[in-house]
C-alpha cells in the first residue's frame, strides 16, 4: 500500500488475554475493558487499600494529597507491571485481585 518504504516489517505474536472465567476478551463484541476504565479501577482499588490502613476517623471521604498520589502510583504501577511481567506469547487470565495483590510477583508487593 506504499506506507513503508525500505523498511522490514515483522509479525509479533501475542497470547490471549482472558477474563477471570477463562474466556478470551473479544474485542469485536465489545467485551473488553477500556484502558482508561482499567486504570481508574486499579487506582480505585489501590485507594481502598490505602484507606483501609488509615485510622478509623480518617477513612471517610476522598483521598487527597500524598495519599491520592500513592493510590494512583500503586494502581497504575500494578497495571504496568502485570502487563510487562508476563511472557507476551503466553495466554493469561486478567484479574484485578492478582494484579493488586500484596503477595507474590506483583508491583504492590515489590
N, C-alpha and C. Protein backbone atom coordinates (compact mmCIF):
# COMPACT_ATOMS: atom_id res chain seq x y z
N UNK A 1 0.82 -1.20 0.00
CA UNK A 1 0.00 0.00 0.00
C UNK A 1 0.86 1.25 0.00
N UNK A 2 2.17 1.07 0.02
CA UNK A 2 3.04 2.22 -0.07
C UNK A 2 3.28 2.95 1.23
N UNK A 3 2.90 2.35 2.36
CA UNK A 3 3.08 3.02 3.64
C UNK A 3 4.51 2.92 4.15
N UNK A 4 5.20 1.85 3.80
CA UNK A 4 6.54 1.62 4.31
C UNK A 4 7.49 1.50 3.13
N UNK A 5 8.48 2.37 3.12
CA UNK A 5 9.46 2.35 2.05
C UNK A 5 10.81 1.92 2.60
N UNK A 6 11.32 0.77 2.14
CA UNK A 6 12.65 0.34 2.52
C UNK A 6 12.78 -0.22 3.93
N UNK A 7 11.69 -0.44 4.64
CA UNK A 7 11.76 -0.99 6.00
C UNK A 7 11.25 -2.42 5.98
N UNK A 8 11.73 -3.20 6.91
CA UNK A 8 11.30 -4.58 7.06
C UNK A 8 10.24 -4.66 8.15
N UNK A 9 9.12 -5.28 7.83
CA UNK A 9 8.05 -5.44 8.81
C UNK A 9 7.99 -6.89 9.24
N UNK A 10 7.74 -7.12 10.53
CA UNK A 10 7.70 -8.47 11.06
C UNK A 10 6.51 -8.62 11.99
N UNK A 11 5.78 -9.72 11.84
CA UNK A 11 4.65 -10.01 12.71
C UNK A 11 5.16 -10.40 14.10
N UNK A 12 4.56 -9.84 15.14
CA UNK A 12 4.93 -10.17 16.52
C UNK A 12 3.71 -10.81 17.18
N UNK A 13 3.80 -12.12 17.49
CA UNK A 13 2.64 -12.80 18.07
C UNK A 13 2.42 -12.45 19.54
N UNK A 14 1.17 -12.46 19.95
CA UNK A 14 0.79 -12.23 21.33
C UNK A 14 -0.16 -13.33 21.76
N UNK A 15 -0.16 -13.65 23.06
CA UNK A 15 -1.11 -14.61 23.60
C UNK A 15 -2.46 -13.94 23.81
N UNK A 16 -3.41 -14.73 24.27
CA UNK A 16 -4.75 -14.21 24.53
C UNK A 16 -4.84 -13.64 25.94
N UNK A 17 -5.57 -12.56 26.08
CA UNK A 17 -5.91 -12.05 27.40
C UNK A 17 -7.30 -12.60 27.70
N UNK A 18 -7.40 -13.30 28.82
CA UNK A 18 -8.66 -13.94 29.20
C UNK A 18 -9.23 -13.29 30.44
N UNK A 19 -10.54 -13.38 30.58
CA UNK A 19 -11.19 -12.91 31.79
C UNK A 19 -10.96 -13.91 32.91
N UNK A 20 -11.40 -13.58 34.10
CA UNK A 20 -11.23 -14.49 35.24
C UNK A 20 -11.95 -15.82 35.03
N UNK A 21 -12.95 -15.83 34.15
CA UNK A 21 -13.68 -17.06 33.85
C UNK A 21 -12.96 -17.94 32.82
N UNK A 22 -11.83 -17.46 32.31
CA UNK A 22 -11.06 -18.23 31.33
C UNK A 22 -11.46 -17.99 29.89
N UNK A 23 -12.50 -17.21 29.67
CA UNK A 23 -12.93 -16.90 28.30
C UNK A 23 -12.12 -15.72 27.78
N UNK A 24 -11.80 -15.77 26.49
CA UNK A 24 -10.98 -14.69 25.93
C UNK A 24 -11.79 -13.39 25.84
N UNK A 25 -11.07 -12.29 26.00
CA UNK A 25 -11.68 -10.99 25.77
C UNK A 25 -11.91 -10.87 24.27
N UNK A 26 -13.12 -10.60 23.86
CA UNK A 26 -13.45 -10.50 22.45
C UNK A 26 -13.62 -9.03 22.08
N UNK A 27 -12.65 -8.50 21.37
CA UNK A 27 -12.68 -7.07 21.06
C UNK A 27 -13.82 -6.70 20.13
N UNK A 28 -14.16 -7.56 19.22
CA UNK A 28 -15.23 -7.24 18.26
C UNK A 28 -16.60 -7.16 18.92
N UNK A 29 -16.80 -7.94 19.96
CA UNK A 29 -18.11 -7.93 20.63
C UNK A 29 -18.19 -6.82 21.68
N UNK A 30 -17.08 -6.15 21.94
CA UNK A 30 -17.09 -5.06 22.91
C UNK A 30 -16.98 -5.51 24.34
N UNK A 31 -16.54 -6.75 24.58
CA UNK A 31 -16.45 -7.29 25.93
C UNK A 31 -15.18 -6.88 26.67
N UNK A 32 -14.32 -6.14 26.04
CA UNK A 32 -13.06 -5.78 26.67
C UNK A 32 -13.22 -4.58 27.58
N UNK A 33 -12.21 -4.38 28.41
CA UNK A 33 -12.16 -3.22 29.31
C UNK A 33 -11.32 -2.15 28.64
N UNK A 34 -11.82 -0.95 28.58
CA UNK A 34 -11.04 0.15 28.00
C UNK A 34 -9.90 0.51 28.96
N UNK A 35 -8.76 0.94 28.40
CA UNK A 35 -7.59 1.25 29.22
C UNK A 35 -7.92 2.28 30.29
N UNK A 36 -8.63 3.31 29.95
CA UNK A 36 -8.99 4.35 30.92
C UNK A 36 -9.75 3.74 32.10
N UNK A 37 -10.71 2.87 31.78
CA UNK A 37 -11.51 2.22 32.82
C UNK A 37 -10.65 1.28 33.66
N UNK A 38 -9.73 0.57 33.01
CA UNK A 38 -8.81 -0.33 33.71
C UNK A 38 -7.96 0.44 34.71
N UNK A 39 -7.38 1.55 34.27
CA UNK A 39 -6.54 2.35 35.15
C UNK A 39 -7.35 2.97 36.28
N UNK A 40 -8.54 3.49 35.97
CA UNK A 40 -9.39 4.07 37.00
C UNK A 40 -9.75 3.05 38.07
N UNK A 41 -10.09 1.83 37.64
CA UNK A 41 -10.45 0.77 38.59
C UNK A 41 -9.25 0.35 39.43
N UNK A 42 -8.08 0.25 38.82
CA UNK A 42 -6.88 -0.11 39.57
C UNK A 42 -6.55 0.95 40.61
N UNK A 43 -6.70 2.22 40.26
CA UNK A 43 -6.45 3.31 41.21
C UNK A 43 -7.50 3.28 42.32
N UNK A 44 -8.75 3.00 41.97
CA UNK A 44 -9.82 2.94 42.98
C UNK A 44 -9.53 1.81 43.98
N UNK A 45 -9.16 0.63 43.48
CA UNK A 45 -8.88 -0.50 44.36
C UNK A 45 -7.66 -0.22 45.23
N UNK A 46 -6.62 0.37 44.65
CA UNK A 46 -5.44 0.74 45.43
C UNK A 46 -5.81 1.78 46.48
N UNK A 47 -6.70 2.70 46.14
CA UNK A 47 -7.16 3.70 47.09
C UNK A 47 -7.91 3.08 48.25
N UNK A 48 -8.71 2.06 47.97
CA UNK A 48 -9.41 1.35 49.05
C UNK A 48 -8.41 0.70 50.00
N UNK A 49 -7.35 0.14 49.44
CA UNK A 49 -6.32 -0.47 50.28
C UNK A 49 -5.62 0.58 51.14
N UNK A 50 -5.29 1.71 50.54
CA UNK A 50 -4.65 2.80 51.30
C UNK A 50 -5.59 3.26 52.41
N UNK A 51 -6.87 3.44 52.07
CA UNK A 51 -7.86 3.90 53.05
C UNK A 51 -8.00 2.90 54.20
N UNK A 52 -7.92 1.61 53.91
CA UNK A 52 -8.08 0.59 54.95
C UNK A 52 -6.95 0.62 55.96
N UNK A 53 -5.84 1.22 55.61
CA UNK A 53 -4.68 1.29 56.51
C UNK A 53 -4.70 2.55 57.38
N UNK A 54 -5.65 3.44 57.14
CA UNK A 54 -5.76 4.66 57.93
C UNK A 54 -6.47 4.39 59.25
N UNK A 55 -6.33 5.32 60.18
CA UNK A 55 -7.07 5.23 61.43
C UNK A 55 -8.56 5.37 61.15
N UNK A 56 -9.38 4.87 62.06
CA UNK A 56 -10.85 4.87 61.89
C UNK A 56 -11.39 6.22 61.43
N UNK A 57 -11.03 7.30 62.06
CA UNK A 57 -11.59 8.62 61.76
C UNK A 57 -11.13 9.21 60.44
N UNK A 58 -10.06 8.68 59.87
CA UNK A 58 -9.51 9.22 58.62
C UNK A 58 -9.99 8.48 57.38
N UNK A 59 -10.81 7.44 57.54
CA UNK A 59 -11.20 6.58 56.41
C UNK A 59 -12.30 7.16 55.55
N UNK A 60 -13.03 8.14 56.04
CA UNK A 60 -14.16 8.69 55.28
C UNK A 60 -13.67 9.74 54.29
N UNK A 61 -14.42 9.89 53.20
CA UNK A 61 -14.13 10.93 52.22
C UNK A 61 -13.09 10.49 51.20
N UNK A 62 -12.78 11.43 50.33
CA UNK A 62 -11.82 11.18 49.25
C UNK A 62 -10.39 11.26 49.77
N UNK A 63 -9.52 10.48 49.15
CA UNK A 63 -8.09 10.59 49.45
C UNK A 63 -7.58 11.86 48.78
N UNK A 64 -6.73 12.58 49.47
CA UNK A 64 -6.17 13.80 48.90
C UNK A 64 -4.66 13.81 49.07
N UNK A 65 -4.03 14.72 48.37
CA UNK A 65 -2.60 14.93 48.54
C UNK A 65 -1.75 13.70 48.31
N UNK A 66 -0.84 13.45 49.24
CA UNK A 66 0.12 12.36 49.11
C UNK A 66 -0.57 10.99 49.07
N UNK A 67 -1.67 10.82 49.81
CA UNK A 67 -2.35 9.52 49.81
C UNK A 67 -3.00 9.23 48.46
N UNK A 68 -3.56 10.26 47.83
CA UNK A 68 -4.12 10.09 46.48
C UNK A 68 -3.01 9.77 45.49
N UNK A 69 -1.86 10.40 45.66
CA UNK A 69 -0.71 10.11 44.79
C UNK A 69 -0.23 8.67 44.96
N UNK A 70 -0.22 8.19 46.20
CA UNK A 70 0.18 6.80 46.46
C UNK A 70 -0.79 5.85 45.77
N UNK A 71 -2.09 6.07 45.91
CA UNK A 71 -3.09 5.20 45.28
C UNK A 71 -2.92 5.20 43.76
N UNK A 72 -2.70 6.37 43.19
CA UNK A 72 -2.52 6.47 41.73
C UNK A 72 -1.25 5.75 41.29
N UNK A 73 -0.16 5.94 42.00
CA UNK A 73 1.12 5.31 41.65
C UNK A 73 1.04 3.80 41.78
N UNK A 74 0.46 3.32 42.86
CA UNK A 74 0.34 1.88 43.07
C UNK A 74 -0.59 1.25 42.03
N UNK A 75 -1.72 1.87 41.79
CA UNK A 75 -2.69 1.32 40.84
C UNK A 75 -2.14 1.25 39.43
N UNK A 76 -1.59 2.35 38.93
CA UNK A 76 -1.06 2.37 37.57
C UNK A 76 0.19 1.51 37.47
N UNK A 77 1.03 1.54 38.50
CA UNK A 77 2.22 0.70 38.51
C UNK A 77 1.87 -0.77 38.48
N UNK A 78 0.81 -1.15 39.16
CA UNK A 78 0.37 -2.55 39.18
C UNK A 78 -0.05 -3.01 37.79
N UNK A 79 -0.77 -2.15 37.07
CA UNK A 79 -1.20 -2.49 35.71
C UNK A 79 0.02 -2.64 34.80
N UNK A 80 0.94 -1.71 34.88
CA UNK A 80 2.14 -1.78 34.04
C UNK A 80 2.94 -3.04 34.33
N UNK A 81 3.17 -3.30 35.61
CA UNK A 81 3.99 -4.45 35.99
C UNK A 81 3.31 -5.76 35.59
N UNK A 82 2.00 -5.84 35.81
CA UNK A 82 1.27 -7.07 35.46
C UNK A 82 1.38 -7.34 33.97
N UNK A 83 1.33 -6.30 33.16
CA UNK A 83 1.42 -6.47 31.71
C UNK A 83 2.84 -6.86 31.29
N UNK A 84 3.82 -6.16 31.83
CA UNK A 84 5.21 -6.39 31.40
C UNK A 84 5.83 -7.64 31.99
N UNK A 85 5.28 -8.16 33.09
CA UNK A 85 5.88 -9.33 33.73
C UNK A 85 5.48 -10.64 33.06
N UNK A 86 4.48 -10.58 32.20
CA UNK A 86 4.01 -11.78 31.51
C UNK A 86 4.78 -11.99 30.22
N UNK A 87 4.98 -13.26 29.85
CA UNK A 87 5.54 -13.59 28.55
C UNK A 87 4.51 -13.18 27.51
N UNK A 88 4.87 -12.35 26.57
CA UNK A 88 3.89 -11.82 25.63
C UNK A 88 3.25 -12.88 24.75
N UNK A 89 3.87 -14.05 24.61
CA UNK A 89 3.31 -15.10 23.77
C UNK A 89 2.41 -16.05 24.55
N UNK A 90 2.35 -15.90 25.87
CA UNK A 90 1.52 -16.79 26.69
C UNK A 90 0.15 -16.17 26.92
N UNK A 91 -0.85 -17.01 27.01
CA UNK A 91 -2.18 -16.56 27.41
C UNK A 91 -2.14 -16.24 28.90
N UNK A 92 -2.92 -15.26 29.33
CA UNK A 92 -3.03 -15.04 30.77
C UNK A 92 -4.42 -14.58 31.15
N UNK A 93 -4.79 -14.93 32.38
CA UNK A 93 -6.09 -14.54 32.91
C UNK A 93 -5.96 -13.22 33.63
N UNK A 94 -6.77 -12.28 33.21
CA UNK A 94 -6.75 -10.95 33.81
C UNK A 94 -7.54 -10.97 35.11
N UNK A 95 -6.93 -10.44 36.17
CA UNK A 95 -7.60 -10.38 37.46
C UNK A 95 -7.10 -9.16 38.23
N UNK A 96 -8.02 -8.26 38.59
CA UNK A 96 -7.63 -7.11 39.42
C UNK A 96 -7.04 -7.59 40.73
N UNK A 97 -7.64 -8.63 41.31
CA UNK A 97 -7.17 -9.15 42.60
C UNK A 97 -5.72 -9.60 42.56
N UNK A 98 -5.37 -10.35 41.52
CA UNK A 98 -3.99 -10.81 41.39
C UNK A 98 -3.04 -9.66 41.06
N UNK A 99 -3.50 -8.75 40.22
CA UNK A 99 -2.66 -7.63 39.80
C UNK A 99 -2.32 -6.72 40.98
N UNK A 100 -3.26 -6.52 41.89
CA UNK A 100 -3.07 -5.59 43.01
C UNK A 100 -2.76 -6.31 44.32
N UNK A 101 -2.47 -7.59 44.24
CA UNK A 101 -2.18 -8.36 45.44
C UNK A 101 -0.92 -7.85 46.14
N UNK A 102 -0.93 -7.94 47.45
CA UNK A 102 0.25 -7.54 48.22
C UNK A 102 1.16 -8.73 48.49
N UNK A 103 0.92 -9.83 47.79
CA UNK A 103 1.74 -11.04 47.92
C UNK A 103 2.18 -11.49 46.52
N UNK A 104 3.36 -12.08 46.44
CA UNK A 104 3.81 -12.68 45.19
C UNK A 104 4.48 -11.72 44.24
N UNK A 105 4.46 -12.08 42.98
CA UNK A 105 5.17 -11.33 41.93
C UNK A 105 4.28 -10.21 41.40
N UNK A 106 4.08 -9.16 42.22
CA UNK A 106 3.23 -8.03 41.85
C UNK A 106 3.94 -6.73 42.20
N UNK A 107 3.55 -5.66 41.52
CA UNK A 107 4.16 -4.36 41.80
C UNK A 107 3.89 -3.88 43.22
N UNK A 108 2.65 -3.98 43.75
CA UNK A 108 2.42 -3.51 45.12
C UNK A 108 3.28 -4.27 46.15
N UNK A 109 3.51 -5.56 45.93
CA UNK A 109 4.34 -6.33 46.86
C UNK A 109 5.78 -5.86 46.82
N UNK A 110 6.27 -5.61 45.62
CA UNK A 110 7.67 -5.21 45.48
C UNK A 110 7.88 -3.83 45.99
